[in-house]
Amino acid sequence: MTTACDEKIIELKPISSCRQEVEVAMVEMLVSLQKRGWEAAELALALADASEDLVMLIATKRLRPN
């Protein structure tokens, strides 16, 4: 992911083809939240925390046999 900084707004642009759809959705969400006044650093930490919670939830679940 690349960034471009313009004063207080950080523009995020996805570059990884492997994660392209996730990054596009994430960038759209973050841009929308920045327009509502949230700071990029606060958003990044909240996103990281939520992602970690999801990973831990998935890791603690048993896989169902096929």
N, C-alpha and C. Protein backbone atom coordinates (compact mmCIF):
# COMPACT_ATOMS: atom_id res chain seq x y z
N MET A 1 0.85 -1.16 0.00
CA MET A 1 0.00 0.00 0.00
C MET A 1 0.90 1.23 0.00
N THR A 2 0.56 2.20 -0.80
CA THR A 2 1.33 3.43 -0.83
C THR A 2 0.53 4.53 -0.17
N THR A 3 1.24 5.55 0.28
CA THR A 3 0.57 6.69 0.91
C THR A 3 1.07 7.98 0.29
N ALA A 4 0.21 9.00 0.34
CA ALA A 4 0.59 10.35 -0.06
C ALA A 4 0.01 11.28 1.00
N CYS A 5 0.83 12.11 1.56
CA CYS A 5 0.38 12.96 2.66
C CYS A 5 0.12 14.38 2.16
N ASP A 6 -1.06 14.89 2.50
CA ASP A 6 -1.45 16.26 2.15
C ASP A 6 -1.93 16.92 3.43
N GLU A 7 -1.04 17.60 4.13
CA GLU A 7 -1.31 18.21 5.42
C GLU A 7 -1.82 17.17 6.40
N LYS A 8 -3.11 17.22 6.78
CA LYS A 8 -3.62 16.28 7.78
C LYS A 8 -4.30 15.07 7.18
N ILE A 9 -4.45 15.01 5.88
CA ILE A 9 -5.11 13.89 5.23
C ILE A 9 -4.04 13.00 4.59
N ILE A 10 -4.12 11.70 4.86
CA ILE A 10 -3.22 10.74 4.24
C ILE A 10 -4.03 9.97 3.21
N GLU A 11 -3.60 10.01 1.97
CA GLU A 11 -4.26 9.28 0.90
C GLU A 11 -3.62 7.91 0.78
N LEU A 12 -4.44 6.87 0.83
CA LEU A 12 -3.95 5.50 0.75
C LEU A 12 -4.34 4.91 -0.60
N LYS A 13 -3.39 4.26 -1.23
CA LYS A 13 -3.63 3.65 -2.54
C LYS A 13 -3.16 2.20 -2.51
N PRO A 14 -4.03 1.26 -2.86
CA PRO A 14 -3.62 -0.14 -2.85
C PRO A 14 -2.68 -0.46 -4.01
N ILE A 15 -1.69 -1.35 -3.75
CA ILE A 15 -0.78 -1.75 -4.83
C ILE A 15 -0.63 -3.26 -4.94
N SER A 16 -1.03 -4.01 -3.95
CA SER A 16 -0.83 -5.46 -3.95
C SER A 16 -1.97 -6.17 -4.67
N SER A 17 -1.66 -6.90 -5.73
CA SER A 17 -2.71 -7.61 -6.45
C SER A 17 -3.28 -8.76 -5.60
N CYS A 18 -2.48 -9.30 -4.70
CA CYS A 18 -2.92 -10.39 -3.83
C CYS A 18 -4.05 -9.93 -2.90
N ARG A 19 -3.96 -8.74 -2.41
CA ARG A 19 -4.95 -8.23 -1.46
C ARG A 19 -5.76 -7.08 -2.04
N GLN A 20 -5.82 -6.96 -3.32
CA GLN A 20 -6.40 -5.80 -3.97
C GLN A 20 -7.83 -5.51 -3.52
N GLU A 21 -8.71 -6.49 -3.52
CA GLU A 21 -10.10 -6.23 -3.16
C GLU A 21 -10.24 -5.78 -1.72
N VAL A 22 -9.48 -6.40 -0.82
CA VAL A 22 -9.53 -6.00 0.59
C VAL A 22 -8.99 -4.59 0.76
N GLU A 23 -7.87 -4.30 0.11
CA GLU A 23 -7.27 -2.98 0.24
C GLU A 23 -8.16 -1.89 -0.35
N VAL A 24 -8.82 -2.17 -1.46
CA VAL A 24 -9.71 -1.17 -2.06
C VAL A 24 -10.85 -0.85 -1.09
N ALA A 25 -11.46 -1.89 -0.53
CA ALA A 25 -12.55 -1.68 0.42
C ALA A 25 -12.06 -0.94 1.66
N MET A 26 -10.87 -1.30 2.14
CA MET A 26 -10.32 -0.66 3.33
C MET A 26 -10.02 0.81 3.06
N VAL A 27 -9.42 1.10 1.92
CA VAL A 27 -9.11 2.49 1.58
C VAL A 27 -10.38 3.32 1.49
N GLU A 28 -11.40 2.77 0.84
CA GLU A 28 -12.67 3.49 0.73
C GLU A 28 -13.25 3.79 2.11
N MET A 29 -13.20 2.81 3.01
CA MET A 29 -13.70 2.99 4.37
C MET A 29 -12.89 4.05 5.11
N LEU A 30 -11.56 3.97 5.02
CA LEU A 30 -10.70 4.92 5.72
C LEU A 30 -10.86 6.34 5.20
N VAL A 31 -10.98 6.50 3.89
CA VAL A 31 -11.19 7.83 3.31
C VAL A 31 -12.50 8.41 3.83
N SER A 32 -13.54 7.59 3.85
CA SER A 32 -14.85 8.04 4.34
C SER A 32 -14.76 8.47 5.80
N LEU A 33 -14.06 7.69 6.62
CA LEU A 33 -13.93 8.02 8.04
C LEU A 33 -13.06 9.25 8.25
N GLN A 34 -12.02 9.44 7.44
CA GLN A 34 -11.20 10.65 7.54
C GLN A 34 -12.03 11.88 7.22
N LYS A 35 -12.92 11.76 6.26
CA LYS A 35 -13.79 12.90 5.91
C LYS A 35 -14.73 13.25 7.06
N ARG A 36 -14.98 12.29 7.94
CA ARG A 36 -15.83 12.54 9.11
C ARG A 36 -15.03 13.08 10.29
N GLY A 37 -13.71 13.25 10.08
CA GLY A 37 -12.90 13.89 11.11
C GLY A 37 -11.97 12.98 11.89
N TRP A 38 -11.97 11.70 11.61
CA TRP A 38 -11.08 10.79 12.33
C TRP A 38 -9.66 10.93 11.80
N GLU A 39 -8.69 10.85 12.68
CA GLU A 39 -7.28 10.93 12.30
C GLU A 39 -6.80 9.58 11.76
N ALA A 40 -5.90 9.63 10.81
CA ALA A 40 -5.38 8.42 10.17
C ALA A 40 -4.75 7.46 11.19
N ALA A 41 -4.00 7.99 12.14
CA ALA A 41 -3.33 7.13 13.13
C ALA A 41 -4.36 6.41 13.99
N GLU A 42 -5.40 7.11 14.41
CA GLU A 42 -6.44 6.48 15.23
C GLU A 42 -7.18 5.40 14.44
N LEU A 43 -7.45 5.68 13.17
CA LEU A 43 -8.11 4.70 12.31
C LEU A 43 -7.23 3.47 12.11
N ALA A 44 -5.95 3.67 11.89
CA ALA A 44 -5.03 2.55 11.68
C ALA A 44 -4.98 1.65 12.91
N LEU A 45 -4.92 2.25 14.10
CA LEU A 45 -4.90 1.46 15.33
C LEU A 45 -6.20 0.71 15.54
N ALA A 46 -7.33 1.36 15.28
CA ALA A 46 -8.63 0.71 15.43
C ALA A 46 -8.75 -0.46 14.45
N LEU A 47 -8.31 -0.25 13.22
CA LEU A 47 -8.36 -1.31 12.21
C LEU A 47 -7.46 -2.48 12.61
N ALA A 48 -6.27 -2.18 13.10
CA ALA A 48 -5.35 -3.23 13.54
C ALA A 48 -5.95 -4.02 14.71
N ASP A 49 -6.54 -3.34 15.67
CA ASP A 49 -7.16 -4.01 16.82
C ASP A 49 -8.31 -4.91 16.36
N ALA A 50 -9.16 -4.40 15.49
CA ALA A 50 -10.30 -5.19 15.01
C ALA A 50 -9.81 -6.39 14.21
N SER A 51 -8.76 -6.19 13.41
CA SER A 51 -8.21 -7.30 12.62
C SER A 51 -7.63 -8.37 13.53
N GLU A 52 -6.91 -7.95 14.56
CA GLU A 52 -6.33 -8.90 15.50
C GLU A 52 -7.44 -9.69 16.21
N ASP A 53 -8.51 -9.00 16.61
CA ASP A 53 -9.64 -9.69 17.25
C ASP A 53 -10.22 -10.76 16.33
N LEU A 54 -10.37 -10.44 15.06
CA LEU A 54 -10.92 -11.39 14.10
C LEU A 54 -9.98 -12.59 13.91
N VAL A 55 -8.69 -12.33 13.79
CA VAL A 55 -7.72 -13.41 13.65
C VAL A 55 -7.76 -14.33 14.87
N MET A 56 -7.83 -13.75 16.06
CA MET A 56 -7.89 -14.57 17.27
C MET A 56 -9.18 -15.37 17.34
N LEU A 57 -10.29 -14.79 16.93
CA LEU A 57 -11.57 -15.51 16.90
C LEU A 57 -11.49 -16.69 15.95
N ILE A 58 -10.95 -16.46 14.77
CA ILE A 58 -10.82 -17.53 13.78
C ILE A 58 -9.86 -18.61 14.29
N ALA A 59 -8.77 -18.21 14.93
CA ALA A 59 -7.77 -19.16 15.41
C ALA A 59 -8.31 -20.05 16.52
N THR A 60 -9.27 -19.58 17.28
CA THR A 60 -9.79 -20.37 18.40
C THR A 60 -10.94 -21.27 18.00
N LYS A 61 -11.45 -21.13 16.80
CA LYS A 61 -12.54 -21.97 16.33
C LYS A 61 -11.99 -23.26 15.75
N ARG A 62 -12.70 -24.35 15.94
CA ARG A 62 -12.29 -25.62 15.35
C ARG A 62 -12.72 -25.65 13.89
N LEU A 63 -11.86 -26.23 13.08
CA LEU A 63 -12.18 -26.40 11.68
C LEU A 63 -13.17 -27.55 11.53
N ARG A 64 -14.18 -27.35 10.70
CA ARG A 64 -15.15 -28.41 10.45
C ARG A 64 -14.61 -29.37 9.40
N PRO A 65 -14.79 -30.65 9.62
CA PRO A 65 -14.35 -31.60 8.59
C PRO A 65 -15.23 -31.44 7.35
N ASN A 66 -14.64 -31.69 6.18
CA ASN A 66 -15.41 -31.59 4.93
C ASN A 66 -16.35 -32.73 4.75
